[in-house]
Amino acid sequence: IDKSKLEENIKIIKEKAKVPIIAVVKGNGYGFGMAEFTKILL
């Protein structure tokens, strides 16, 4: 998983939403590994 591209996606989503994001990390973090994925989102 390219962490820099993931962070770009987070930025795009924030700009699109303009409201707080509830990160859904079900399914082993949508397959990205729940623990590490959660830490990066945090």
Full PDB file with SEQRES, HELIX, SHEET, SSBOND, CRYST1, ORIGX, SCALE, CONECT and MASTER records, all heavy atoms in Angstrom:
SEQRES   1 A   42  ILE ASP LYS SER LYS LEU GLU GLU ASN ILE LYS ILE ILE          
SEQRES   2 A   42  LYS GLU LYS ALA LYS VAL PRO ILE ILE ALA VAL VAL LYS          
SEQRES   3 A   42  GLY ASN GLY TYR GLY PHE GLY MET ALA GLU PHE THR LYS          
SEQRES   4 A   42  ILE LEU LEU                                                  
HELIX    1 AA1 LYS A    3  ALA A   17  1                                  15    
HELIX    2 AA2 LYS A   26  TYR A   30  1                                   5    
HELIX    3 AA3 MET A   34  LEU A   41  1                                   8    
CRYST1    1.000    1.000    1.000  90.00  90.00  90.00 P 1           1          
ORIGX1      1.000000  0.000000  0.000000        0.00000                         
ORIGX2      0.000000  1.000000  0.000000        0.00000                         
ORIGX3      0.000000  0.000000  1.000000        0.00000                         
SCALE1      1.000000  0.000000  0.000000        0.00000                         
SCALE2      0.000000  1.000000  0.000000        0.00000                         
SCALE3      0.000000  0.000000  1.000000        0.00000                         
ATOM      1  N   ILE A   1       0.853  -1.192   0.000  1.00  0.00           N  
ATOM      2  CA  ILE A   1       0.000   0.000   0.000  1.00  0.00           C  
ATOM      3  C   ILE A   1       0.882   1.233   0.000  1.00  0.00           C  
ATOM      4  O   ILE A   1       1.777   1.366   0.850  1.00  0.00           O  
ATOM      5  CB  ILE A   1      -0.916  -0.011   1.240  1.00  0.00           C  
ATOM      6  CG1 ILE A   1      -1.841  -1.244   1.209  1.00  0.00           C  
ATOM      7  CG2 ILE A   1      -1.743   1.273   1.322  1.00  0.00           C  
ATOM      8  CD1 ILE A   1      -2.110  -1.836   2.554  1.00  0.00           C  
ATOM      9  N   ASP A   2       0.658   2.112  -0.932  1.00  0.00           N  
ATOM     10  CA  ASP A   2       1.424   3.357  -1.031  1.00  0.00           C  
ATOM     11  C   ASP A   2       0.853   4.353  -0.028  1.00  0.00           C  
ATOM     12  O   ASP A   2      -0.229   4.902  -0.230  1.00  0.00           O  
ATOM     13  CB  ASP A   2       1.334   3.911  -2.455  1.00  0.00           C  
ATOM     14  CG  ASP A   2       2.262   5.095  -2.697  1.00  0.00           C  
ATOM     15  OD1 ASP A   2       2.404   5.935  -1.784  1.00  0.00           O  
ATOM     16  OD2 ASP A   2       2.826   5.175  -3.800  1.00  0.00           O  
ATOM     17  N   LYS A   3       1.592   4.613   1.043  1.00  0.00           N  
ATOM     18  CA  LYS A   3       1.093   5.475   2.115  1.00  0.00           C  
ATOM     19  C   LYS A   3       0.879   6.909   1.639  1.00  0.00           C  
ATOM     20  O   LYS A   3      -0.107   7.556   2.023  1.00  0.00           O  
ATOM     21  CB  LYS A   3       2.069   5.469   3.293  1.00  0.00           C  
ATOM     22  CG  LYS A   3       1.590   6.289   4.480  1.00  0.00           C  
ATOM     23  CD  LYS A   3       2.561   6.221   5.647  1.00  0.00           C  
ATOM     24  CE  LYS A   3       2.092   7.100   6.801  1.00  0.00           C  
ATOM     25  NZ  LYS A   3       3.051   7.065   7.940  1.00  0.00           N  
ATOM     26  N   SER A   4       1.756   7.410   0.800  1.00  0.00           N  
ATOM     27  CA  SER A   4       1.609   8.797   0.333  1.00  0.00           C  
ATOM     28  C   SER A   4       0.348   8.965  -0.501  1.00  0.00           C  
ATOM     29  O   SER A   4      -0.347   9.980  -0.399  1.00  0.00           O  
ATOM     30  CB  SER A   4       2.841   9.224  -0.478  1.00  0.00           C  
ATOM     31  OG  SER A   4       2.959   8.459  -1.672  1.00  0.00           O  
ATOM     32  N   LYS A   5       0.006   7.942  -1.323  1.00  0.00           N  
ATOM     33  CA  LYS A   5      -1.222   8.017  -2.115  1.00  0.00           C  
ATOM     34  C   LYS A   5      -2.462   7.884  -1.232  1.00  0.00           C  
ATOM     35  O   LYS A   5      -3.499   8.494  -1.505  1.00  0.00           O  
ATOM     36  CB  LYS A   5      -1.210   6.950  -3.209  1.00  0.00           C  
ATOM     37  CG  LYS A   5      -0.202   7.246  -4.318  1.00  0.00           C  
ATOM     38  CD  LYS A   5      -0.299   6.240  -5.442  1.00  0.00           C  
ATOM     39  CE  LYS A   5       0.671   6.590  -6.571  1.00  0.00           C  
ATOM     40  NZ  LYS A   5       0.607   5.622  -7.694  1.00  0.00           N  
ATOM     41  N   LEU A   6      -2.343   7.080  -0.179  1.00  0.00           N  
ATOM     42  CA  LEU A   6      -3.444   6.979   0.781  1.00  0.00           C  
ATOM     43  C   LEU A   6      -3.683   8.336   1.431  1.00  0.00           C  
ATOM     44  O   LEU A   6      -4.842   8.776   1.568  1.00  0.00           O  
ATOM     45  CB  LEU A   6      -3.124   5.935   1.843  1.00  0.00           C  
ATOM     46  CG  LEU A   6      -4.088   5.845   3.029  1.00  0.00           C  
ATOM     47  CD1 LEU A   6      -5.514   5.569   2.563  1.00  0.00           C  
ATOM     48  CD2 LEU A   6      -3.628   4.762   4.002  1.00  0.00           C  
ATOM     49  N   GLU A   7      -2.632   9.013   1.800  1.00  0.00           N  
ATOM     50  CA  GLU A   7      -2.777  10.333   2.423  1.00  0.00           C  
ATOM     51  C   GLU A   7      -3.342  11.351   1.444  1.00  0.00           C  
ATOM     52  O   GLU A   7      -4.098  12.244   1.836  1.00  0.00           O  
ATOM     53  CB  GLU A   7      -1.433  10.782   2.987  1.00  0.00           C  
ATOM     54  CG  GLU A   7      -1.010   9.956   4.205  1.00  0.00           C  
ATOM     55  CD  GLU A   7       0.345  10.314   4.760  1.00  0.00           C  
ATOM     56  OE1 GLU A   7       1.195  10.828   3.979  1.00  0.00           O  
ATOM     57  OE2 GLU A   7       0.573  10.110   5.970  1.00  0.00           O  
ATOM     58  N   GLU A   8      -3.013  11.204   0.164  1.00  0.00           N  
ATOM     59  CA  GLU A   8      -3.621  12.064  -0.862  1.00  0.00           C  
ATOM     60  C   GLU A   8      -5.128  11.809  -0.927  1.00  0.00           C  
ATOM     61  O   GLU A   8      -5.927  12.746  -1.041  1.00  0.00           O  
ATOM     62  CB  GLU A   8      -2.995  11.797  -2.230  1.00  0.00           C  
ATOM     63  CG  GLU A   8      -1.610  12.375  -2.415  1.00  0.00           C  
ATOM     64  CD  GLU A   8      -1.046  12.060  -3.793  1.00  0.00           C  
ATOM     65  OE1 GLU A   8      -1.834  11.628  -4.670  1.00  0.00           O  
ATOM     66  OE2 GLU A   8       0.166  12.225  -3.984  1.00  0.00           O  
ATOM     67  N   ASN A   9      -5.518  10.548  -0.860  1.00  0.00           N  
ATOM     68  CA  ASN A   9      -6.945  10.209  -0.888  1.00  0.00           C  
ATOM     69  C   ASN A   9      -7.673  10.795   0.312  1.00  0.00           C  
ATOM     70  O   ASN A   9      -8.796  11.306   0.186  1.00  0.00           O  
ATOM     71  CB  ASN A   9      -7.128   8.684  -0.902  1.00  0.00           C  
ATOM     72  CG  ASN A   9      -6.878   8.086  -2.271  1.00  0.00           C  
ATOM     73  OD1 ASN A   9      -6.627   8.796  -3.239  1.00  0.00           O  
ATOM     74  ND2 ASN A   9      -6.935   6.763  -2.361  1.00  0.00           N  
ATOM     75  N   ILE A  10      -7.048  10.720   1.481  1.00  0.00           N  
ATOM     76  CA  ILE A  10      -7.656  11.299   2.681  1.00  0.00           C  
ATOM     77  C   ILE A  10      -7.891  12.791   2.482  1.00  0.00           C  
ATOM     78  O   ILE A  10      -8.971  13.316   2.822  1.00  0.00           O  
ATOM     79  CB  ILE A  10      -6.762  11.060   3.913  1.00  0.00           C  
ATOM     80  CG1 ILE A  10      -6.676   9.556   4.216  1.00  0.00           C  
ATOM     81  CG2 ILE A  10      -7.311  11.800   5.132  1.00  0.00           C  
ATOM     82  CD1 ILE A  10      -5.629   9.197   5.248  1.00  0.00           C  
ATOM     83  N   LYS A  11      -6.928  13.471   1.906  1.00  0.00           N  
ATOM     84  CA  LYS A  11      -7.051  14.911   1.658  1.00  0.00           C  
ATOM     85  C   LYS A  11      -8.184  15.204   0.680  1.00  0.00           C  
ATOM     86  O   LYS A  11      -8.996  16.118   0.890  1.00  0.00           O  
ATOM     87  CB  LYS A  11      -5.729  15.462   1.114  1.00  0.00           C  
ATOM     88  CG  LYS A  11      -5.734  16.959   0.887  1.00  0.00           C  
ATOM     89  CD  LYS A  11      -4.383  17.450   0.370  1.00  0.00           C  
ATOM     90  CE  LYS A  11      -4.404  18.949   0.114  1.00  0.00           C  
ATOM     91  NZ  LYS A  11      -3.089  19.438  -0.407  1.00  0.00           N  
ATOM     92  N   ILE A  12      -8.272  14.427  -0.399  1.00  0.00           N  
ATOM     93  CA  ILE A  12      -9.339  14.615  -1.400  1.00  0.00           C  
ATOM     94  C   ILE A  12     -10.708  14.415  -0.761  1.00  0.00           C  
ATOM     95  O   ILE A  12     -11.653  15.176  -1.005  1.00  0.00           O  
ATOM     96  CB  ILE A  12      -9.143  13.642  -2.577  1.00  0.00           C  
ATOM     97  CG1 ILE A  12      -7.891  14.024  -3.379  1.00  0.00           C  
ATOM     98  CG2 ILE A  12     -10.370  13.641  -3.490  1.00  0.00           C  
ATOM     99  CD1 ILE A  12      -7.472  12.976  -4.399  1.00  0.00           C  
ATOM    100  N   ILE A  13     -10.834  13.385   0.055  1.00  0.00           N  
ATOM    101  CA  ILE A  13     -12.110  13.078   0.709  1.00  0.00           C  
ATOM    102  C   ILE A  13     -12.509  14.205   1.656  1.00  0.00           C  
ATOM    103  O   ILE A  13     -13.678  14.616   1.703  1.00  0.00           O  
ATOM    104  CB  ILE A  13     -12.018  11.729   1.450  1.00  0.00           C  
ATOM    105  CG1 ILE A  13     -11.878  10.595   0.431  1.00  0.00           C  
ATOM    106  CG2 ILE A  13     -13.247  11.508   2.331  1.00  0.00           C  
ATOM    107  CD1 ILE A  13     -11.399   9.292   1.037  1.00  0.00           C  
ATOM    108  N   LYS A  14     -11.556  14.707   2.416  1.00  0.00           N  
ATOM    109  CA  LYS A  14     -11.845  15.809   3.342  1.00  0.00           C  
ATOM    110  C   LYS A  14     -12.351  17.036   2.593  1.00  0.00           C  
ATOM    111  O   LYS A  14     -13.307  17.699   3.008  1.00  0.00           O  
ATOM    112  CB  LYS A  14     -10.589  16.173   4.137  1.00  0.00           C  
ATOM    113  CG  LYS A  14     -10.248  15.211   5.256  1.00  0.00           C  
ATOM    114  CD  LYS A  14      -9.016  15.713   6.014  1.00  0.00           C  
ATOM    115  CE  LYS A  14      -8.731  14.870   7.231  1.00  0.00           C  
ATOM    116  NZ  LYS A  14      -7.557  15.372   7.974  1.00  0.00           N  
ATOM    117  N   GLU A  15     -11.696  17.344   1.476  1.00  0.00           N  
ATOM    118  CA  GLU A  15     -12.092  18.515   0.682  1.00  0.00           C  
ATOM    119  C   GLU A  15     -13.477  18.325   0.084  1.00  0.00           C  
ATOM    120  O   GLU A  15     -14.258  19.276  -0.036  1.00  0.00           O  
ATOM    121  CB  GLU A  15     -11.058  18.768  -0.416  1.00  0.00           C  
ATOM    122  CG  GLU A  15      -9.703  19.249   0.122  1.00  0.00           C  
ATOM    123  CD  GLU A  15      -8.647  19.343  -0.959  1.00  0.00           C  
ATOM    124  OE1 GLU A  15      -8.898  18.863  -2.094  1.00  0.00           O  
ATOM    125  OE2 GLU A  15      -7.558  19.876  -0.679  1.00  0.00           O  
ATOM    126  N   LYS A  16     -13.795  17.097  -0.304  1.00  0.00           N  
ATOM    127  CA  LYS A  16     -15.102  16.804  -0.886  1.00  0.00           C  
ATOM    128  C   LYS A  16     -16.199  16.840   0.171  1.00  0.00           C  
ATOM    129  O   LYS A  16     -17.290  17.366  -0.063  1.00  0.00           O  
ATOM    130  CB  LYS A  16     -15.062  15.418  -1.549  1.00  0.00           C  
ATOM    131  CG  LYS A  16     -16.379  14.968  -2.178  1.00  0.00           C  
ATOM    132  CD  LYS A  16     -16.694  15.729  -3.441  1.00  0.00           C  
ATOM    133  CE  LYS A  16     -17.907  15.155  -4.133  1.00  0.00           C  
ATOM    134  NZ  LYS A  16     -18.312  15.949  -5.317  1.00  0.00           N  
ATOM    135  N   ALA A  17     -15.918  16.299   1.351  1.00  0.00           N  
ATOM    136  CA  ALA A  17     -16.935  16.169   2.391  1.00  0.00           C  
ATOM    137  C   ALA A  17     -17.256  17.485   3.085  1.00  0.00           C  
ATOM    138  O   ALA A  17     -18.424  17.800   3.348  1.00  0.00           O  
ATOM    139  CB  ALA A  17     -16.490  15.138   3.421  1.00  0.00           C  
ATOM    140  N   LYS A  18     -16.216  18.217   3.459  1.00  0.00           N  
ATOM    141  CA  LYS A  18     -16.368  19.499   4.176  1.00  0.00           C  
ATOM    142  C   LYS A  18     -17.037  19.345   5.548  1.00  0.00           C  
ATOM    143  O   LYS A  18     -17.480  20.320   6.139  1.00  0.00           O  
ATOM    144  CB  LYS A  18     -17.137  20.514   3.335  1.00  0.00           C  
ATOM    145  CG  LYS A  18     -16.441  20.908   2.034  1.00  0.00           C  
ATOM    146  CD  LYS A  18     -17.235  21.947   1.275  1.00  0.00           C  
ATOM    147  CE  LYS A  18     -16.492  22.441   0.049  1.00  0.00           C  
ATOM    148  NZ  LYS A  18     -16.258  21.382  -0.954  1.00  0.00           N  
ATOM    149  N   VAL A  19     -17.150  18.122   6.026  1.00  0.00           N  
ATOM    150  CA  VAL A  19     -17.697  17.834   7.359  1.00  0.00           C  
ATOM    151  C   VAL A  19     -16.832  16.723   7.955  1.00  0.00           C  
ATOM    152  O   VAL A  19     -16.046  16.080   7.249  1.00  0.00           O  
ATOM    153  CB  VAL A  19     -19.178  17.377   7.300  1.00  0.00           C  
ATOM    154  CG1 VAL A  19     -20.077  18.506   6.789  1.00  0.00           C  
ATOM    155  CG2 VAL A  19     -19.332  16.123   6.451  1.00  0.00           C  
ATOM    156  N   PRO A  20     -16.954  16.464   9.269  1.00  0.00           N  
ATOM    157  CA  PRO A  20     -16.162  15.394   9.878  1.00  0.00           C  
ATOM    158  C   PRO A  20     -16.373  14.041   9.200  1.00  0.00           C  
ATOM    159  O   PRO A  20     -17.464  13.727   8.724  1.00  0.00           O  
ATOM    160  CB  PRO A  20     -16.658  15.380  11.327  1.00  0.00           C  
ATOM    161  CG  PRO A  20     -17.117  16.784  11.579  1.00  0.00           C  
ATOM    162  CD  PRO A  20     -17.727  17.226  10.281  1.00  0.00           C  
ATOM    163  N   ILE A  21     -15.309  13.241   9.188  1.00  0.00           N  
ATOM    164  CA  ILE A  21     -15.337  11.923   8.546  1.00  0.00           C  
ATOM    165  C   ILE A  21     -15.385  10.827   9.607  1.00  0.00           C  
ATOM    166  O   ILE A  21     -14.614  10.851  10.569  1.00  0.00           O  
ATOM    167  CB  ILE A  21     -14.090  11.724   7.665  1.00  0.00           C  
ATOM    168  CG1 ILE A  21     -14.140  12.691   6.472  1.00  0.00           C  
ATOM    169  CG2 ILE A  21     -13.987  10.282   7.184  1.00  0.00           C  
ATOM    170  CD1 ILE A  21     -12.858  12.745   5.679  1.00  0.00           C  
ATOM    171  N   ILE A  22     -16.305   9.912   9.422  1.00  0.00           N  
ATOM    172  CA  ILE A  22     -16.336   8.681  10.221  1.00  0.00           C  
ATOM    173  C   ILE A  22     -15.644   7.619   9.373  1.00  0.00           C  
ATOM    174  O   ILE A  22     -16.150   7.222   8.329  1.00  0.00           O  
ATOM    175  CB  ILE A  22     -17.779   8.249  10.542  1.00  0.00           C  
ATOM    176  CG1 ILE A  22     -18.498   9.343  11.338  1.00  0.00           C  
ATOM    177  CG2 ILE A  22     -17.792   6.923  11.300  1.00  0.00           C  
ATOM    178  CD1 ILE A  22     -20.003   9.122  11.464  1.00  0.00           C  
ATOM    179  N   ALA A  23     -14.462   7.204   9.802  1.00  0.00           N  
ATOM    180  CA  ALA A  23     -13.692   6.223   9.033  1.00  0.00           C  
ATOM    181  C   ALA A  23     -14.187   4.820   9.342  1.00  0.00           C  
ATOM    182  O   ALA A  23     -14.103   4.353  10.478  1.00  0.00           O  
ATOM    183  CB  ALA A  23     -12.209   6.346   9.362  1.00  0.00           C  
ATOM    184  N   VAL A  24     -14.697   4.142   8.324  1.00  0.00           N  
ATOM    185  CA  VAL A  24     -15.184   2.775   8.490  1.00  0.00           C  
ATOM    186  C   VAL A  24     -14.019   1.826   8.214  1.00  0.00           C  
ATOM    187  O   VAL A  24     -13.499   1.787   7.099  1.00  0.00           O  
ATOM    188  CB  VAL A  24     -16.357   2.486   7.542  1.00  0.00           C  
ATOM    189  CG1 VAL A  24     -16.886   1.082   7.769  1.00  0.00           C  
ATOM    190  CG2 VAL A  24     -17.470   3.518   7.737  1.00  0.00           C  
ATOM    191  N   VAL A  25     -13.606   1.098   9.244  1.00  0.00           N  
ATOM    192  CA  VAL A  25     -12.435   0.223   9.114  1.00  0.00           C  
ATOM    193  C   VAL A  25     -12.821  -1.251   9.273  1.00  0.00           C  
ATOM    194  O   VAL A  25     -12.008  -2.077   9.689  1.00  0.00           O  
ATOM    195  CB  VAL A  25     -11.327   0.624  10.115  1.00  0.00           C  
ATOM    196  CG1 VAL A  25     -10.757   1.978   9.747  1.00  0.00           C  
ATOM    197  CG2 VAL A  25     -11.858   0.638  11.556  1.00  0.00           C  
ATOM    198  N   LYS A  26     -14.047  -1.576   8.918  1.00  0.00           N  
ATOM    199  CA  LYS A  26     -14.514  -2.971   8.957  1.00  0.00           C  
ATOM    200  C   LYS A  26     -13.774  -3.788   7.906  1.00  0.00           C  
ATOM    201  O   LYS A  26     -13.075  -3.238   7.043  1.00  0.00           O  
ATOM    202  CB  LYS A  26     -16.020  -3.023   8.705  1.00  0.00           C  
ATOM    203  CG  LYS A  26     -16.440  -2.561   7.307  1.00  0.00           C  
ATOM    204  CD  LYS A  26     -17.938  -2.597   7.137  1.00  0.00           C  
ATOM    205  CE  LYS A  26     -18.334  -2.135   5.722  1.00  0.00           C  
ATOM    206  NZ  LYS A  26     -19.789  -2.168   5.525  1.00  0.00           N  
ATOM    207  N   GLY A  27     -13.970  -5.113   7.955  1.00  0.00           N  
ATOM    208  CA  GLY A  27     -13.353  -5.968   6.945  1.00  0.00           C  
ATOM    209  C   GLY A  27     -11.845  -5.850   6.925  1.00  0.00           C  
ATOM    210  O   GLY A  27     -11.241  -5.718   5.851  1.00  0.00           O  
ATOM    211  N   ASN A  28     -11.240  -5.878   8.147  1.00  0.00           N  
ATOM    212  CA  ASN A  28      -9.784  -5.729   8.253  1.00  0.00           C  
ATOM    213  C   ASN A  28      -9.327  -4.434   7.597  1.00  0.00           C  
ATOM    214  O   ASN A  28      -8.367  -4.408   6.826  1.00  0.00           O  
ATOM    215  CB  ASN A  28      -9.061  -6.935   7.632  1.00  0.00           C  
ATOM    216  CG  ASN A  28      -7.569  -6.970   7.969  1.00  0.00           C  
ATOM    217  OD1 ASN A  28      -7.150  -6.477   9.016  1.00  0.00           O  
ATOM    218  ND2 ASN A  28      -6.776  -7.539   7.082  1.00  0.00           N  
ATOM    219  N   GLY A  29     -10.039  -3.355   7.924  1.00  0.00           N  
ATOM    220  CA  GLY A  29      -9.681  -2.052   7.355  1.00  0.00           C  
ATOM    221  C   GLY A  29      -9.836  -2.023   5.853  1.00  0.00           C  
ATOM    222  O   GLY A  29      -8.973  -1.523   5.130  1.00  0.00           O  
ATOM    223  N   TYR A  30     -10.985  -2.563   5.366  1.00  0.00           N  
ATOM    224  CA  TYR A  30     -11.229  -2.689   3.921  1.00  0.00           C  
ATOM    225  C   TYR A  30     -10.073  -3.399   3.225  1.00  0.00           C  
ATOM    226  O   TYR A  30      -9.739  -3.126   2.070  1.00  0.00           O  
ATOM    227  CB  TYR A  30     -11.502  -1.323   3.276  1.00  0.00           C  
ATOM    228  CG  TYR A  30     -12.970  -0.984   3.286  1.00  0.00           C  
ATOM    229  CD1 TYR A  30     -13.589  -0.500   4.447  1.00  0.00           C  
ATOM    230  CD2 TYR A  30     -13.764  -1.171   2.175  1.00  0.00           C  
ATOM    231  CE1 TYR A  30     -14.950  -0.225   4.484  1.00  0.00           C  
ATOM    232  CE2 TYR A  30     -15.121  -0.893   2.191  1.00  0.00           C  
ATOM    233  CZ  TYR A  30     -15.704  -0.427   3.348  1.00  0.00           C  
ATOM    234  OH  TYR A  30     -17.048  -0.161   3.375  1.00  0.00           O  
ATOM    235  N   GLY A  31      -9.451  -4.329   3.964  1.00  0.00           N  
ATOM    236  CA  GLY A  31      -8.366  -5.121   3.403  1.00  0.00           C  
ATOM    237  C   GLY A  31      -6.999  -4.493   3.558  1.00  0.00           C  
ATOM    238  O   GLY A  31      -5.991  -5.084   3.168  1.00  0.00           O  
ATOM    239  N   PHE A  32      -6.923  -3.302   4.150  1.00  0.00           N  
ATOM    240  CA  PHE A  32      -5.638  -2.604   4.303  1.00  0.00           C  
ATOM    241  C   PHE A  32      -4.940  -2.937   5.628  1.00  0.00           C  
ATOM    242  O   PHE A  32      -3.872  -2.408   5.897  1.00  0.00           O  
ATOM    243  CB  PHE A  32      -5.855  -1.085   4.205  1.00  0.00           C  
ATOM    244  CG  PHE A  32      -5.806  -0.556   2.790  1.00  0.00           C  
ATOM    245  CD1 PHE A  32      -5.964  -1.396   1.702  1.00  0.00           C  
ATOM    246  CD2 PHE A  32      -5.616   0.790   2.548  1.00  0.00           C  
ATOM    247  CE1 PHE A  32      -5.930  -0.909   0.401  1.00  0.00           C  
ATOM    248  CE2 PHE A  32      -5.569   1.294   1.251  1.00  0.00           C  
ATOM    249  CZ  PHE A  32      -5.720   0.442   0.173  1.00  0.00           C  
ATOM    250  N   GLY A  33      -5.534  -3.805   6.434  1.00  0.00           N  
ATOM    251  CA  GLY A  33      -4.969  -4.108   7.743  1.00  0.00           C  
ATOM    252  C   GLY A  33      -5.498  -3.109   8.757  1.00  0.00           C  
ATOM    253  O   GLY A  33      -5.053  -1.953   8.783  1.00  0.00           O  
ATOM    254  N   MET A  34      -6.446  -3.525   9.581  1.00  0.00           N  
ATOM    255  CA  MET A  34      -7.186  -2.571  10.409  1.00  0.00           C  
ATOM    256  C   MET A  34      -6.301  -1.742  11.331  1.00  0.00           C  
ATOM    257  O   MET A  34      -6.469  -0.522  11.439  1.00  0.00           O  
ATOM    258  CB  MET A  34      -8.246  -3.304  11.239  1.00  0.00           C  
ATOM    259  CG  MET A  34      -9.146  -2.358  12.037  1.00  0.00           C  
ATOM    260  SD  MET A  34     -10.448  -3.216  12.952  1.00  0.00           S  
ATOM    261  CE  MET A  34      -9.447  -4.074  14.181  1.00  0.00           C  
ATOM    262  N   ALA A  35      -5.347  -2.368  11.996  1.00  0.00           N  
ATOM    263  CA  ALA A  35      -4.543  -1.653  12.984  1.00  0.00           C  
ATOM    264  C   ALA A  35      -3.696  -0.551  12.341  1.00  0.00           C  
ATOM    265  O   ALA A  35      -3.762   0.618  12.742  1.00  0.00           O  
ATOM    266  CB  ALA A  35      -3.654  -2.631  13.744  1.00  0.00           C  
ATOM    267  N   GLU A  36      -2.907  -0.906  11.332  1.00  0.00           N  
ATOM    268  CA  GLU A  36      -2.031   0.090  10.700  1.00  0.00           C  
ATOM    269  C   GLU A  36      -2.842   1.140   9.949  1.00  0.00           C  
ATOM    270  O   GLU A  36      -2.524   2.336   9.976  1.00  0.00           O  
ATOM    271  CB  GLU A  36      -1.062  -0.606   9.742  1.00  0.00           C  
ATOM    272  CG  GLU A  36       0.007   0.308   9.166  1.00  0.00           C  
ATOM    273  CD  GLU A  36       0.935   0.892  10.217  1.00  0.00           C  
ATOM    274  OE1 GLU A  36       1.113   0.267  11.277  1.00  0.00           O  
ATOM    275  OE2 GLU A  36       1.472   1.996   9.968  1.00  0.00           O  
ATOM    276  N   PHE A  37      -3.896   0.721   9.292  1.00  0.00           N  
ATOM    277  CA  PHE A  37      -4.778   1.638   8.568  1.00  0.00           C  
ATOM    278  C   PHE A  37      -5.373   2.674   9.523  1.00  0.00           C  
ATOM    279  O   PHE A  37      -5.377   3.876   9.244  1.00  0.00           O  
ATOM    280  CB  PHE A  37      -5.881   0.816   7.898  1.00  0.00           C  
ATOM    281  CG  PHE A  37      -6.815   1.583   7.006  1.00  0.00           C  
ATOM    282  CD1 PHE A  37      -6.362   2.573   6.170  1.00  0.00           C  
ATOM    283  CD2 PHE A  37      -8.168   1.265   6.984  1.00  0.00           C  
ATOM    284  CE1 PHE A  37      -7.235   3.265   5.334  1.00  0.00           C  
ATOM    285  CE2 PHE A  37      -9.048   1.940   6.156  1.00  0.00           C  
ATOM    286  CZ  PHE A  37      -8.582   2.944   5.333  1.00  0.00           C  
ATOM    287  N   THR A  38      -5.840   2.212  10.673  1.00  0.00           N  
ATOM    288  CA  THR A  38      -6.424   3.111  11.672  1.00  0.00           C  
ATOM    289  C   THR A  38      -5.403   4.125  12.169  1.00  0.00           C  
ATOM    290  O   THR A  38      -5.709   5.314  12.328  1.00  0.00           O  
ATOM    291  CB  THR A  38      -6.975   2.290  12.860  1.00  0.00           C  
ATOM    292  OG1 THR A  38      -8.046   1.467  12.390  1.00  0.00           O  
ATOM    293  CG2 THR A  38      -7.492   3.203  13.966  1.00  0.00           C  
ATOM    294  N   LYS A  39      -4.187   3.679  12.405  1.00  0.00           N  
ATOM    295  CA  LYS A  39      -3.139   4.583  12.887  1.00  0.00           C  
ATOM    296  C   LYS A  39      -2.853   5.701  11.882  1.00  0.00           C  
ATOM    297  O   LYS A  39      -2.674   6.861  12.253  1.00  0.00           O  
ATOM    298  CB  LYS A  39      -1.860   3.797  13.180  1.00  0.00           C  
ATOM    299  CG  LYS A  39      -1.957   2.869  14.378  1.00  0.00           C  
ATOM    300  CD  LYS A  39      -0.705   2.016  14.516  1.00  0.00           C  
ATOM    301  CE  LYS A  39      -0.845   1.007  15.643  1.00  0.00           C  
ATOM    302  NZ  LYS A  39       0.352   0.116  15.737  1.00  0.00           N  
ATOM    303  N   ILE A  40      -2.839   5.348  10.598  1.00  0.00           N  
ATOM    304  CA  ILE A  40      -2.579   6.361   9.563  1.00  0.00           C  
ATOM    305  C   ILE A  40      -3.737   7.351   9.465  1.00  0.00           C  
ATOM    306  O   ILE A  40      -3.522   8.565   9.341  1.00  0.00           O  
ATOM    307  CB  ILE A  40      -2.323   5.667   8.211  1.00  0.00           C  
ATOM    308  CG1 ILE A  40      -1.000   4.900   8.266  1.00  0.00           C  
ATOM    309  CG2 ILE A  40      -2.295   6.689   7.067  1.00  0.00           C  
ATOM    310  CD1 ILE A  40      -0.744   4.017   7.063  1.00  0.00           C  
ATOM    311  N   LEU A  41      -4.957   6.854   9.535  1.00  0.00           N  
ATOM    312  CA  LEU A  41      -6.117   7.748   9.510  1.00  0.00           C  
ATOM    313  C   LEU A  41      -6.089   8.690  10.712  1.00  0.00           C  
ATOM    314  O   LEU A  41      -6.379   9.887  10.594  1.00  0.00           O  
ATOM    315  CB  LEU A  41      -7.409   6.930   9.509  1.00  0.00           C  
ATOM    316  CG  LEU A  41      -7.669   6.077   8.263  1.00  0.00           C  
ATOM    317  CD1 LEU A  41      -8.830   5.128   8.494  1.00  0.00           C  
ATOM    318  CD2 LEU A  41      -7.940   6.958   7.041  1.00  0.00           C  
ATOM    319  N   LEU A  42      -5.714   8.156  11.856  1.00  0.00           N  
ATOM    320  CA  LEU A  42      -5.616   8.962  13.076  1.00  0.00           C  
ATOM    321  C   LEU A  42      -4.552  10.046  12.929  1.00  0.00           C  
ATOM    322  O   LEU A  42      -4.765  11.207  13.308  1.00  0.00           O  
ATOM    323  CB  LEU A  42      -5.293   8.048  14.263  1.00  0.00           C  
ATOM    324  CG  LEU A  42      -5.405   8.618  15.677  1.00  0.00           C  
ATOM    325  CD1 LEU A  42      -6.829   9.092  15.957  1.00  0.00           C  
ATOM    326  CD2 LEU A  42      -4.987   7.565  16.695  1.00  0.00           C  
TER     327      LEU A  42                                                      
MASTER        0    0    0    3    0    0    0    6  326    1    0    4          
END                                                                             
